[in-house]
Amino acid sequence: MKISSFVLVSMLSLIGLSAAHAETPAATATSVSALCNDGTSFTGTTKQGACSGHKGVKAWNASSPSAPVAATPAAKPATVSTEKPTKSEMPTVAAAGGGAGKVWVNPKSKTYHCFGTEHYGKTKEGSYMTEAAAKAAGDHAVGGKACN
C-alpha cells in the first residue's frame, strides 16, 4: 500500500511539474505595442523591428499587467532636422478612419483623394470627410475626377 501511494504521489508531482513547464512559455510570452511616428500602430511579441519603415517608434504603449516588461536602453536625444521630408519618408500605410464613402483631404493643396487611390490617407497632412463636405469646403478632386 505504501509503495502504490508513493508511486501515485510521484506521478502526480511529475504531472504537476510538466504542466508548470508547459505554462512557462505562455506566461513569458509578451505582447508589445507601439505608436509609430507616421500614426500607424504596431503589435508584436518583441520590440525588435517595431515601426520599421514607419519612421520609427513615437511611443511605447503599456504592456498587459500579466506580461513582464523588458528593460529598454536609454533613448538617444532627439535631433531636429530642418530638411524637407523626402518622398520615401511619406507614409506608406493609409491613416486609420477612412473607408468607402469618404475622401482624404489634403489641406495644403485643397485637393482630395478618393478611396482606393494611391495617396488615399497617405499624404503627410489630411483628414477624412465625405466628398460633399470636401466640395462644400472648396476642395477639389485630384485631376478633376469625381469619386465613383
Protein backbone atom coordinates (compact mmCIF):
# COMPACT_ATOMS: atom_id res chain seq x y z
CA MET A 1 0.00 0.00 0.00
CA LYS A 2 2.83 2.39 0.86
CA ILE A 3 4.53 1.70 -2.48
CA SER A 4 1.40 2.34 -4.52
CA SER A 5 0.76 5.59 -2.60
CA PHE A 6 4.36 6.65 -3.21
CA VAL A 7 4.06 5.85 -6.92
CA LEU A 8 0.78 7.76 -7.15
CA VAL A 9 2.21 10.84 -5.40
CA SER A 10 5.33 10.70 -7.58
CA MET A 11 3.28 10.53 -10.78
CA LEU A 12 1.06 13.42 -9.70
CA SER A 13 4.07 15.56 -8.86
CA LEU A 14 5.61 14.80 -12.26
CA ILE A 15 2.37 15.72 -13.98
CA GLY A 16 2.28 18.95 -11.99
CA LEU A 17 5.87 19.78 -12.95
CA SER A 18 5.28 19.10 -16.61
CA ALA A 19 2.14 21.27 -16.52
CA ALA A 20 4.13 24.08 -14.91
CA HIS A 21 6.78 23.82 -17.61
CA ALA A 22 4.12 23.77 -20.31
CA GLU A 23 2.67 27.03 -18.98
CA THR A 24 6.02 28.81 -18.77
CA PRO A 25 6.27 29.88 -22.45
CA ALA A 26 2.73 31.24 -22.41
CA ALA A 27 3.39 33.11 -19.20
CA THR A 28 6.58 34.69 -20.54
CA ALA A 29 5.20 35.48 -23.99
CA THR A 30 4.64 39.21 -24.06
CA SER A 31 2.73 41.42 -26.36
CA VAL A 32 4.26 44.80 -27.06
CA SER A 33 2.56 47.60 -28.88
CA ALA A 34 3.68 50.99 -30.05
CA LEU A 35 2.52 54.05 -31.91
CA CYS A 36 4.68 54.75 -34.94
CA ASN A 37 5.77 58.25 -35.97
CA ASP A 38 3.56 58.09 -39.08
CA GLY A 39 0.45 57.39 -36.99
CA THR A 40 0.20 53.63 -37.56
CA SER A 41 0.28 51.15 -34.71
CA PHE A 42 2.49 48.12 -34.12
CA THR A 43 1.75 44.98 -32.12
CA GLY A 44 4.18 42.09 -31.79
CA THR A 45 5.99 39.79 -29.41
CA THR A 46 9.26 41.77 -29.38
CA LYS A 47 10.26 45.39 -29.80
CA GLN A 48 12.76 44.43 -32.48
CA GLY A 49 11.75 45.84 -35.87
CA ALA A 50 8.81 47.77 -34.44
CA CYS A 51 7.69 50.57 -36.76
CA SER A 52 10.36 49.65 -39.29
CA GLY A 53 9.51 51.62 -42.42
CA HIS A 54 7.16 53.87 -40.46
CA LYS A 55 9.70 56.48 -39.32
CA GLY A 56 10.39 54.72 -36.01
CA VAL A 57 8.57 54.47 -32.69
CA LYS A 58 6.78 57.54 -31.33
CA ALA A 59 5.63 55.95 -28.07
CA TRP A 60 5.51 52.51 -26.48
CA ASN A 61 2.10 51.51 -25.16
CA ALA A 62 1.78 49.95 -21.73
CA SER A 63 2.14 46.18 -21.62
CA SER A 64 -0.62 43.98 -20.27
CA PRO A 65 -0.42 43.68 -16.44
CA SER A 66 0.49 39.99 -16.52
CA ALA A 67 3.28 40.44 -19.05
CA PRO A 68 6.79 41.18 -17.78
CA VAL A 69 8.27 44.42 -19.06
CA ALA A 70 11.75 44.17 -20.57
CA ALA A 71 14.31 46.81 -19.71
CA THR A 72 14.92 49.26 -22.53
CA PRO A 73 18.19 51.01 -23.21
CA ALA A 74 18.37 54.76 -22.67
CA ALA A 75 16.90 56.68 -25.60
CA LYS A 76 19.14 58.80 -27.77
CA PRO A 77 18.49 62.53 -27.61
CA ALA A 78 16.12 63.71 -30.32
CA THR A 79 17.59 65.71 -33.15
CA VAL A 80 15.63 68.34 -35.02
CA SER A 81 16.01 68.35 -38.78
CA THR A 82 15.32 71.43 -40.87
CA GLU A 83 15.34 69.47 -44.11
CA LYS A 84 12.13 68.82 -46.03
CA PRO A 85 10.96 65.20 -45.94
CA THR A 86 11.78 63.17 -48.99
CA LYS A 87 9.21 61.19 -50.90
CA SER A 88 10.49 57.99 -49.25
CA GLU A 89 9.64 59.47 -45.82
CA MET A 90 5.97 59.94 -46.73
CA PRO A 91 3.56 57.45 -45.12
CA THR A 92 3.11 54.16 -46.97
CA VAL A 93 0.10 52.98 -44.97
CA ALA A 94 -3.23 54.82 -45.05
CA ALA A 95 -4.24 56.65 -41.89
CA ALA A 96 -6.93 54.98 -39.80
CA GLY A 97 -10.52 56.13 -40.04
CA GLY A 98 -11.25 56.15 -43.75
CA GLY A 99 -13.27 53.83 -45.89
CA ALA A 100 -15.82 53.71 -48.67
CA GLY A 101 -17.85 56.91 -48.90
CA LYS A 102 -15.05 59.11 -47.53
CA VAL A 103 -12.29 61.06 -49.22
CA TRP A 104 -8.87 62.09 -47.87
CA VAL A 105 -8.49 65.88 -47.99
CA ASN A 106 -5.04 67.47 -48.15
CA PRO A 107 -5.49 70.92 -46.55
CA LYS A 108 -2.35 72.43 -48.07
CA SER A 109 -3.26 71.69 -51.68
CA LYS A 110 -7.05 71.83 -51.10
CA THR A 111 -7.37 68.57 -53.05
CA TYR A 112 -8.97 65.29 -52.06
CA HIS A 113 -8.12 61.69 -52.87
CA CYS A 114 -10.79 59.05 -53.47
CA PHE A 115 -10.99 55.70 -51.62
CA GLY A 116 -8.70 53.15 -53.26
CA THR A 117 -6.37 55.64 -54.95
CA GLU A 118 -2.61 55.75 -54.44
CA HIS A 119 -2.46 58.68 -52.00
CA TYR A 120 -5.71 57.99 -50.08
CA GLY A 121 -4.86 58.55 -46.41
CA LYS A 122 -1.14 58.77 -47.15
CA THR A 123 -0.28 62.45 -47.51
CA LYS A 124 1.65 63.97 -44.64
CA GLU A 125 -1.34 66.03 -43.50
CA GLY A 126 -5.04 65.50 -44.10
CA SER A 127 -8.35 64.30 -42.81
CA TYR A 128 -11.25 62.10 -43.87
CA MET A 129 -14.65 63.53 -44.79
CA THR A 130 -17.44 62.92 -47.27
CA GLU A 131 -16.93 64.09 -50.84
CA ALA A 132 -19.86 66.50 -50.48
CA ALA A 133 -18.28 68.07 -47.37
CA ALA A 134 -14.96 68.41 -49.18
CA LYS A 135 -16.61 70.15 -52.13
CA ALA A 136 -18.54 72.43 -49.76
CA ALA A 137 -15.23 73.40 -48.13
CA GLY A 138 -13.84 74.41 -51.52
CA ASP A 139 -11.65 71.35 -52.07
CA HIS A 140 -11.41 69.67 -55.47
CA ALA A 141 -10.63 66.13 -56.64
CA VAL A 142 -7.12 65.30 -57.78
CA GLY A 143 -7.07 65.53 -61.57
CA GLY A 144 -10.62 66.91 -61.52
CA LYS A 145 -12.07 63.38 -61.38
CA ALA A 146 -15.03 62.84 -59.08
CA CYS A 147 -15.07 59.70 -56.95
CA ASN A 148 -17.22 56.73 -58.01
